[in-house]
Amino acid sequence: MVSALTFTQSGEAAGFVRAAQEFGLPTVVSFTVETDGALPSGQSLADAIAFVDQETDGATAYFMVNCAHPDHFSEVLSNGDWRQRIRGLRCNASRCSHAELDAAETLDAGDPEELAFLYQSLSEAMPWVNVIGGCCGSDLRHVTSISRALGLHPSAH
């Protein structure tokens, strides 16, 4: 299996999937979104997933969202069958936009407990998501808090 993270364009993602298909490799596509929940191009996450599925006959094993804080995209995940194509989340600990992160001299680490709470809320709304992790600003504190909140950490049992 091959995965590609932080896609900003659905056409680029479809090209990745088609290239992997030539070698018989299953794929995972992970999109990033801006603070409004849309790809940098303005395309909605739902439309980006639909485009990749249409262009590749649904060849992607599943989709993910990464490099965005849950507050940036949780609203767009509130309804629709398309959400079930999303199986993974690697969220930023920082609420900063991509532009703000690029310009920052120090990385904003956010709040590990708050991020864990937001992951828990997403997990309750989308219980099929089974790949989790962190992105910008996250570290072991965040991943540990998330795994505890989701009951995945040994100390959670």
N, C-alpha and C. Protein backbone atom coordinates (compact mmCIF):
# COMPACT_ATOMS: atom_id res chain seq x y z
N MET A 1 0.85 -1.17 0.00
CA MET A 1 0.00 0.00 0.00
C MET A 1 0.90 1.23 0.00
N VAL A 2 0.48 2.23 -0.74
CA VAL A 2 1.18 3.50 -0.74
C VAL A 2 0.20 4.59 -0.32
N SER A 3 0.73 5.56 0.40
CA SER A 3 -0.12 6.68 0.81
C SER A 3 0.61 7.97 0.49
N ALA A 4 -0.19 8.99 0.26
CA ALA A 4 0.35 10.31 -0.02
C ALA A 4 -0.40 11.30 0.84
N LEU A 5 0.34 12.13 1.53
CA LEU A 5 -0.25 13.07 2.49
C LEU A 5 -0.23 14.49 1.97
N THR A 6 -1.16 15.26 2.47
CA THR A 6 -1.21 16.71 2.29
C THR A 6 -1.45 17.12 0.83
N PHE A 7 -2.31 16.37 0.15
CA PHE A 7 -2.69 16.79 -1.20
C PHE A 7 -3.53 18.05 -1.11
N THR A 8 -3.27 18.99 -2.01
CA THR A 8 -4.02 20.25 -2.06
C THR A 8 -4.91 20.34 -3.28
N GLN A 9 -4.80 19.37 -4.19
CA GLN A 9 -5.57 19.38 -5.44
C GLN A 9 -6.07 17.98 -5.74
N SER A 10 -7.32 17.89 -6.15
CA SER A 10 -7.88 16.57 -6.44
C SER A 10 -7.29 15.96 -7.70
N GLY A 11 -6.92 16.79 -8.69
CA GLY A 11 -6.32 16.26 -9.91
C GLY A 11 -4.98 15.59 -9.63
N GLU A 12 -4.20 16.20 -8.78
CA GLU A 12 -2.91 15.63 -8.38
C GLU A 12 -3.12 14.29 -7.65
N ALA A 13 -4.12 14.25 -6.79
CA ALA A 13 -4.43 13.02 -6.05
C ALA A 13 -4.87 11.91 -7.00
N ALA A 14 -5.70 12.25 -7.98
CA ALA A 14 -6.15 11.25 -8.96
C ALA A 14 -4.96 10.72 -9.75
N GLY A 15 -4.01 11.59 -10.10
CA GLY A 15 -2.81 11.15 -10.81
C GLY A 15 -1.99 10.18 -9.99
N PHE A 16 -1.88 10.45 -8.69
CA PHE A 16 -1.17 9.54 -7.78
C PHE A 16 -1.84 8.17 -7.77
N VAL A 17 -3.16 8.14 -7.67
CA VAL A 17 -3.88 6.87 -7.62
C VAL A 17 -3.71 6.11 -8.94
N ARG A 18 -3.83 6.81 -10.07
CA ARG A 18 -3.66 6.14 -11.37
C ARG A 18 -2.25 5.56 -11.50
N ALA A 19 -1.23 6.30 -11.05
CA ALA A 19 0.14 5.79 -11.12
C ALA A 19 0.30 4.53 -10.27
N ALA A 20 -0.28 4.53 -9.09
CA ALA A 20 -0.19 3.36 -8.23
C ALA A 20 -0.95 2.18 -8.83
N GLN A 21 -2.07 2.46 -9.51
CA GLN A 21 -2.84 1.39 -10.14
C GLN A 21 -2.00 0.65 -11.18
N GLU A 22 -1.13 1.38 -11.87
CA GLU A 22 -0.28 0.75 -12.88
C GLU A 22 0.60 -0.33 -12.28
N PHE A 23 0.90 -0.21 -10.98
CA PHE A 23 1.75 -1.19 -10.31
C PHE A 23 0.95 -2.12 -9.40
N GLY A 24 -0.37 -2.00 -9.45
CA GLY A 24 -1.22 -2.87 -8.64
C GLY A 24 -1.17 -2.56 -7.16
N LEU A 25 -0.84 -1.32 -6.81
CA LEU A 25 -0.71 -0.95 -5.40
C LEU A 25 -1.97 -0.27 -4.90
N PRO A 26 -2.50 -0.72 -3.77
CA PRO A 26 -3.62 0.01 -3.16
C PRO A 26 -3.12 1.35 -2.62
N THR A 27 -4.02 2.33 -2.56
CA THR A 27 -3.63 3.68 -2.18
C THR A 27 -4.47 4.25 -1.06
N VAL A 28 -3.85 5.21 -0.37
CA VAL A 28 -4.52 6.07 0.59
C VAL A 28 -4.19 7.50 0.18
N VAL A 29 -5.22 8.32 0.08
CA VAL A 29 -5.05 9.73 -0.28
C VAL A 29 -5.46 10.58 0.91
N SER A 30 -4.59 11.50 1.29
CA SER A 30 -4.89 12.40 2.39
C SER A 30 -4.87 13.84 1.90
N PHE A 31 -6.01 14.51 2.07
CA PHE A 31 -6.13 15.91 1.69
C PHE A 31 -5.88 16.82 2.88
N THR A 32 -5.41 18.01 2.59
CA THR A 32 -5.36 19.06 3.59
C THR A 32 -6.37 20.12 3.19
N VAL A 33 -6.88 20.82 4.17
CA VAL A 33 -7.87 21.86 3.92
C VAL A 33 -7.44 23.15 4.62
N GLU A 34 -8.02 24.24 4.17
CA GLU A 34 -7.77 25.53 4.78
C GLU A 34 -8.71 25.71 5.98
N THR A 35 -8.68 26.85 6.60
CA THR A 35 -9.48 27.09 7.81
C THR A 35 -10.97 27.05 7.54
N ASP A 36 -11.39 27.12 6.27
CA ASP A 36 -12.81 27.05 5.93
C ASP A 36 -13.27 25.64 5.58
N GLY A 37 -12.39 24.65 5.71
CA GLY A 37 -12.73 23.26 5.43
C GLY A 37 -12.64 22.87 3.97
N ALA A 38 -12.23 23.78 3.10
CA ALA A 38 -12.09 23.49 1.67
C ALA A 38 -10.61 23.36 1.32
N LEU A 39 -10.35 22.66 0.22
CA LEU A 39 -8.99 22.58 -0.28
C LEU A 39 -8.51 23.99 -0.65
N PRO A 40 -7.21 24.21 -0.73
CA PRO A 40 -6.71 25.54 -1.09
C PRO A 40 -7.28 26.07 -2.40
N SER A 41 -7.68 25.18 -3.29
CA SER A 41 -8.28 25.59 -4.57
C SER A 41 -9.70 26.11 -4.39
N GLY A 42 -10.29 25.88 -3.22
CA GLY A 42 -11.68 26.24 -2.97
C GLY A 42 -12.63 25.06 -3.14
N GLN A 43 -12.14 23.96 -3.69
CA GLN A 43 -12.96 22.76 -3.87
C GLN A 43 -13.31 22.17 -2.51
N SER A 44 -14.53 21.73 -2.36
CA SER A 44 -14.93 21.11 -1.09
C SER A 44 -14.26 19.75 -0.95
N LEU A 45 -14.11 19.32 0.28
CA LEU A 45 -13.53 18.00 0.55
C LEU A 45 -14.40 16.91 -0.07
N ALA A 46 -15.71 17.05 0.04
CA ALA A 46 -16.64 16.07 -0.55
C ALA A 46 -16.43 15.98 -2.06
N ASP A 47 -16.31 17.14 -2.72
CA ASP A 47 -16.12 17.14 -4.17
C ASP A 47 -14.75 16.59 -4.56
N ALA A 48 -13.74 16.84 -3.76
CA ALA A 48 -12.40 16.32 -4.06
C ALA A 48 -12.40 14.80 -3.98
N ILE A 49 -13.02 14.25 -2.96
CA ILE A 49 -13.10 12.79 -2.82
C ILE A 49 -13.90 12.20 -3.97
N ALA A 50 -15.04 12.83 -4.29
CA ALA A 50 -15.87 12.34 -5.41
C ALA A 50 -15.10 12.38 -6.73
N PHE A 51 -14.32 13.43 -6.94
CA PHE A 51 -13.54 13.56 -8.16
C PHE A 51 -12.52 12.43 -8.27
N VAL A 52 -11.77 12.20 -7.21
CA VAL A 52 -10.76 11.14 -7.24
C VAL A 52 -11.42 9.78 -7.47
N ASP A 53 -12.52 9.52 -6.78
CA ASP A 53 -13.22 8.25 -6.98
C ASP A 53 -13.73 8.12 -8.41
N GLN A 54 -14.27 9.19 -8.97
CA GLN A 54 -14.78 9.15 -10.34
C GLN A 54 -13.66 8.92 -11.35
N GLU A 55 -12.56 9.60 -11.16
CA GLU A 55 -11.43 9.51 -12.10
C GLU A 55 -10.68 8.18 -12.02
N THR A 56 -10.84 7.46 -10.93
CA THR A 56 -10.05 6.23 -10.71
C THR A 56 -10.93 5.01 -10.44
N ASP A 57 -12.21 5.12 -10.75
CA ASP A 57 -13.16 4.03 -10.51
C ASP A 57 -13.14 3.58 -9.05
N GLY A 58 -13.01 4.54 -8.13
CA GLY A 58 -13.07 4.23 -6.71
C GLY A 58 -11.91 3.39 -6.20
N ALA A 59 -10.76 3.52 -6.86
CA ALA A 59 -9.62 2.65 -6.54
C ALA A 59 -8.97 2.96 -5.20
N THR A 60 -9.16 4.15 -4.66
CA THR A 60 -8.52 4.50 -3.39
C THR A 60 -9.11 3.66 -2.26
N ALA A 61 -8.24 3.03 -1.49
CA ALA A 61 -8.72 2.20 -0.37
C ALA A 61 -9.52 3.05 0.61
N TYR A 62 -8.97 4.21 0.93
CA TYR A 62 -9.67 5.17 1.79
C TYR A 62 -8.97 6.51 1.70
N PHE A 63 -9.62 7.51 2.28
CA PHE A 63 -9.09 8.87 2.30
C PHE A 63 -8.80 9.27 3.74
N MET A 64 -7.97 10.30 3.87
CA MET A 64 -7.66 10.86 5.16
C MET A 64 -7.69 12.39 5.05
N VAL A 65 -7.68 13.04 6.20
CA VAL A 65 -7.48 14.48 6.28
C VAL A 65 -6.26 14.67 7.17
N ASN A 66 -5.33 15.49 6.71
CA ASN A 66 -4.16 15.78 7.54
C ASN A 66 -3.76 17.24 7.39
N CYS A 67 -2.91 17.68 8.29
CA CYS A 67 -2.33 19.02 8.29
C CYS A 67 -3.41 20.11 8.36
N ALA A 68 -4.38 19.87 9.23
CA ALA A 68 -5.42 20.88 9.49
C ALA A 68 -5.95 20.61 10.90
N HIS A 69 -6.25 21.66 11.62
CA HIS A 69 -6.84 21.53 12.95
C HIS A 69 -8.29 21.07 12.81
N PRO A 70 -8.79 20.25 13.74
CA PRO A 70 -10.19 19.81 13.64
C PRO A 70 -11.20 20.94 13.47
N ASP A 71 -10.94 22.08 14.08
CA ASP A 71 -11.85 23.22 13.91
C ASP A 71 -11.94 23.69 12.47
N HIS A 72 -10.94 23.37 11.67
CA HIS A 72 -10.92 23.81 10.28
C HIS A 72 -11.82 22.97 9.39
N PHE A 73 -12.14 21.73 9.80
CA PHE A 73 -12.90 20.87 8.90
C PHE A 73 -14.03 20.08 9.55
N SER A 74 -14.17 20.09 10.85
CA SER A 74 -15.19 19.24 11.49
C SER A 74 -16.59 19.57 11.01
N GLU A 75 -16.87 20.83 10.72
CA GLU A 75 -18.21 21.21 10.24
C GLU A 75 -18.54 20.56 8.90
N VAL A 76 -17.56 20.43 8.01
CA VAL A 76 -17.84 19.85 6.70
C VAL A 76 -18.05 18.34 6.78
N LEU A 77 -17.71 17.75 7.91
CA LEU A 77 -17.89 16.31 8.09
C LEU A 77 -19.21 15.98 8.78
N SER A 78 -20.09 16.94 8.90
CA SER A 78 -21.31 16.75 9.70
C SER A 78 -22.33 15.83 9.04
N ASN A 79 -22.32 15.71 7.72
CA ASN A 79 -23.28 14.79 7.11
C ASN A 79 -22.86 14.39 5.71
N GLY A 80 -23.47 13.35 5.22
CA GLY A 80 -23.21 12.85 3.87
C GLY A 80 -22.53 11.50 3.89
N ASP A 81 -22.96 10.63 2.98
CA ASP A 81 -22.37 9.29 2.87
C ASP A 81 -20.90 9.33 2.47
N TRP A 82 -20.48 10.39 1.78
CA TRP A 82 -19.10 10.50 1.33
C TRP A 82 -18.12 10.45 2.50
N ARG A 83 -18.58 10.84 3.70
CA ARG A 83 -17.70 10.86 4.88
C ARG A 83 -17.16 9.47 5.19
N GLN A 84 -17.90 8.44 4.82
CA GLN A 84 -17.45 7.08 5.13
C GLN A 84 -16.22 6.66 4.34
N ARG A 85 -15.86 7.45 3.33
CA ARG A 85 -14.61 7.19 2.59
C ARG A 85 -13.41 7.67 3.40
N ILE A 86 -13.64 8.48 4.43
CA ILE A 86 -12.54 8.98 5.28
C ILE A 86 -12.33 7.99 6.41
N ARG A 87 -11.12 7.45 6.49
CA ARG A 87 -10.80 6.46 7.53
C ARG A 87 -9.66 6.91 8.42
N GLY A 88 -9.05 8.07 8.12
CA GLY A 88 -7.92 8.51 8.93
C GLY A 88 -7.87 10.01 9.11
N LEU A 89 -7.31 10.40 10.26
CA LEU A 89 -7.14 11.81 10.61
C LEU A 89 -5.76 12.01 11.22
N ARG A 90 -5.03 12.95 10.70
CA ARG A 90 -3.75 13.37 11.28
C ARG A 90 -3.82 14.89 11.40
N CYS A 91 -4.36 15.34 12.50
CA CYS A 91 -4.69 16.76 12.68
C CYS A 91 -3.53 17.56 13.25
N ASN A 92 -3.54 18.84 12.90
CA ASN A 92 -2.60 19.78 13.50
C ASN A 92 -3.02 20.07 14.94
N ALA A 93 -2.05 20.23 15.79
CA ALA A 93 -2.31 20.69 17.15
C ALA A 93 -2.60 22.19 17.13
N SER A 94 -2.03 22.87 16.17
CA SER A 94 -2.15 24.31 16.05
C SER A 94 -3.41 24.68 15.28
N ARG A 95 -4.08 25.74 15.72
CA ARG A 95 -5.23 26.28 15.00
C ARG A 95 -4.80 27.26 13.90
N CYS A 96 -3.53 27.53 13.80
CA CYS A 96 -3.04 28.50 12.81
C CYS A 96 -3.35 28.02 11.38
N SER A 97 -3.53 28.97 10.50
CA SER A 97 -3.69 28.65 9.08
C SER A 97 -2.34 28.18 8.53
N HIS A 98 -2.36 27.62 7.32
CA HIS A 98 -1.10 27.21 6.69
C HIS A 98 -0.18 28.42 6.50
N ALA A 99 -0.75 29.54 6.10
CA ALA A 99 0.07 30.75 5.92
C ALA A 99 0.68 31.20 7.24
N GLU A 100 -0.09 31.15 8.30
CA GLU A 100 0.44 31.54 9.61
C GLU A 100 1.53 30.57 10.07
N LEU A 101 1.33 29.28 9.83
CA LEU A 101 2.34 28.29 10.20
C LEU A 101 3.63 28.53 9.41
N ASP A 102 3.49 28.81 8.12
CA ASP A 102 4.66 29.05 7.28
C ASP A 102 5.46 30.26 7.75
N ALA A 103 4.76 31.29 8.25
CA ALA A 103 5.43 32.53 8.67
C ALA A 103 5.90 32.50 10.12
N ALA A 104 5.45 31.51 10.89
CA ALA A 104 5.77 31.47 12.32
C ALA A 104 7.25 31.17 12.55
N GLU A 105 7.81 31.83 13.54
CA GLU A 105 9.20 31.56 13.91
C GLU A 105 9.29 30.41 14.90
N THR A 106 8.20 30.16 15.63
CA THR A 106 8.12 29.00 16.52
C THR A 106 6.82 28.27 16.23
N LEU A 107 6.84 26.99 16.44
CA LEU A 107 5.68 26.16 16.14
C LEU A 107 4.69 26.20 17.30
N ASP A 108 3.46 26.49 17.00
CA ASP A 108 2.38 26.52 17.99
C ASP A 108 1.98 25.09 18.31
N ALA A 109 2.13 24.69 19.56
CA ALA A 109 1.82 23.32 19.97
C ALA A 109 0.38 23.12 20.41
N GLY A 110 -0.42 24.17 20.45
CA GLY A 110 -1.82 24.01 20.84
C GLY A 110 -1.94 23.39 22.23
N ASP A 111 -3.07 22.77 22.49
CA ASP A 111 -3.38 22.16 23.78
C ASP A 111 -3.65 20.67 23.58
N PRO A 112 -2.78 19.79 24.08
CA PRO A 112 -2.96 18.36 23.87
C PRO A 112 -4.31 17.81 24.35
N GLU A 113 -4.77 18.28 25.50
CA GLU A 113 -6.05 17.77 26.03
C GLU A 113 -7.22 18.24 25.18
N GLU A 114 -7.17 19.49 24.74
CA GLU A 114 -8.25 19.99 23.89
C GLU A 114 -8.27 19.24 22.55
N LEU A 115 -7.10 19.01 21.98
CA LEU A 115 -7.02 18.27 20.72
C LEU A 115 -7.59 16.86 20.90
N ALA A 116 -7.27 16.24 22.03
CA ALA A 116 -7.79 14.90 22.31
C ALA A 116 -9.32 14.92 22.40
N PHE A 117 -9.87 15.95 23.04
CA PHE A 117 -11.33 16.09 23.12
C PHE A 117 -11.94 16.22 21.72
N LEU A 118 -11.30 17.00 20.86
CA LEU A 118 -11.81 17.18 19.50
C LEU A 118 -11.74 15.88 18.70
N TYR A 119 -10.67 15.12 18.88
CA TYR A 119 -10.57 13.79 18.25
C TYR A 119 -11.69 12.89 18.76
N GLN A 120 -11.96 12.94 20.06
CA GLN A 120 -13.02 12.12 20.63
C GLN A 120 -14.37 12.48 19.99
N SER A 121 -14.63 13.76 19.82
CA SER A 121 -15.87 14.20 19.18
C SER A 121 -15.95 13.71 17.74
N LEU A 122 -14.86 13.81 17.02
CA LEU A 122 -14.84 13.31 15.64
C LEU A 122 -15.04 11.80 15.60
N SER A 123 -14.43 11.10 16.54
CA SER A 123 -14.57 9.64 16.60
C SER A 123 -16.01 9.23 16.89
N GLU A 124 -16.69 9.97 17.73
CA GLU A 124 -18.09 9.66 18.02
C GLU A 124 -18.97 9.90 16.80
N ALA A 125 -18.66 10.92 16.01
CA ALA A 125 -19.43 11.22 14.81
C ALA A 125 -19.07 10.30 13.65
N MET A 126 -17.83 9.78 13.66
CA MET A 126 -17.33 8.95 12.57
C MET A 126 -16.61 7.73 13.16
N PRO A 127 -17.35 6.80 13.74
CA PRO A 127 -16.72 5.68 14.44
C PRO A 127 -15.90 4.74 13.55
N TRP A 128 -16.03 4.86 12.27
CA TRP A 128 -15.28 4.01 11.34
C TRP A 128 -13.84 4.49 11.15
N VAL A 129 -13.50 5.70 11.59
CA VAL A 129 -12.13 6.20 11.45
C VAL A 129 -11.22 5.37 12.35
N ASN A 130 -10.20 4.77 11.75
CA ASN A 130 -9.33 3.90 12.54
C ASN A 130 -7.84 4.17 12.35
N VAL A 131 -7.50 5.26 11.67
CA VAL A 131 -6.11 5.67 11.55
C VAL A 131 -6.04 7.08 12.13
N ILE A 132 -5.24 7.23 13.18
CA ILE A 132 -5.13 8.53 13.82
C ILE A 132 -3.67 8.89 14.01
N GLY A 133 -3.42 10.17 14.16
CA GLY A 133 -2.07 10.63 14.40
C GLY A 133 -2.07 12.14 14.52
N GLY A 134 -0.91 12.70 14.52
CA GLY A 134 -0.78 14.14 14.64
C GLY A 134 0.01 14.72 13.48
N CYS A 135 -0.14 16.02 13.30
CA CYS A 135 0.61 16.73 12.27
C CYS A 135 1.18 17.99 12.94
N CYS A 136 1.19 19.09 12.25
CA CYS A 136 1.88 20.30 12.71
C CYS A 136 1.58 20.67 14.17
N GLY A 137 2.64 20.81 14.94
CA GLY A 137 2.54 21.19 16.34
C GLY A 137 2.34 20.04 17.29
N SER A 138 2.08 18.86 16.77
CA SER A 138 1.82 17.73 17.67
C SER A 138 3.11 16.99 17.99
N ASP A 139 3.08 16.35 19.13
CA ASP A 139 4.21 15.53 19.56
C ASP A 139 3.65 14.39 20.41
N LEU A 140 4.51 13.72 21.15
CA LEU A 140 4.09 12.57 21.93
C LEU A 140 2.99 12.92 22.93
N ARG A 141 3.03 14.13 23.50
CA ARG A 141 1.98 14.54 24.44
C ARG A 141 0.61 14.51 23.78
N HIS A 142 0.53 14.99 22.57
CA HIS A 142 -0.74 15.04 21.84
C HIS A 142 -1.23 13.65 21.48
N VAL A 143 -0.35 12.84 20.91
CA VAL A 143 -0.73 11.50 20.49
C VAL A 143 -1.13 10.65 21.70
N THR A 144 -0.43 10.82 22.82
CA THR A 144 -0.79 10.10 24.04
C THR A 144 -2.16 10.54 24.53
N SER A 145 -2.41 11.84 24.55
CA SER A 145 -3.72 12.35 24.99
C SER A 145 -4.83 11.85 24.08
N ILE A 146 -4.59 11.84 22.78
CA ILE A 146 -5.58 11.36 21.82
C ILE A 146 -5.86 9.88 22.05
N SER A 147 -4.81 9.10 22.19
CA SER A 147 -5.00 7.66 22.38
C SER A 147 -5.72 7.36 23.69
N ARG A 148 -5.46 8.13 24.71
CA ARG A 148 -6.20 7.96 25.98
C ARG A 148 -7.67 8.32 25.80
N ALA A 149 -7.94 9.44 25.14
CA ALA A 149 -9.32 9.89 24.93
C ALA A 149 -10.12 8.88 24.11
N LEU A 150 -9.45 8.18 23.21
CA LEU A 150 -10.13 7.19 22.37
C LEU A 150 -10.09 5.79 22.96
N GLY A 151 -9.52 5.67 24.17
CA GLY A 151 -9.45 4.35 24.82
C GLY A 151 -8.45 3.42 24.20
N LEU A 152 -7.44 3.94 23.51
CA LEU A 152 -6.45 3.13 22.83
C LEU A 152 -5.15 3.00 23.59
N HIS A 153 -4.95 3.84 24.59
CA HIS A 153 -3.72 3.84 25.37
C HIS A 153 -3.86 2.84 26.51
N PRO A 154 -2.80 2.08 26.82
CA PRO A 154 -2.89 1.08 27.90
C PRO A 154 -3.41 1.67 29.22
N SER A 155 -3.10 2.92 29.52
CA SER A 155 -3.54 3.48 30.78
C SER A 155 -5.02 3.87 30.76
N ALA A 156 -5.67 3.75 29.59
CA ALA A 156 -7.08 4.09 29.47
C ALA A 156 -7.97 2.92 29.89
N HIS A 157 -7.38 1.76 30.13
CA HIS A 157 -8.19 0.56 30.44
C HIS A 157 -8.11 0.18 31.90
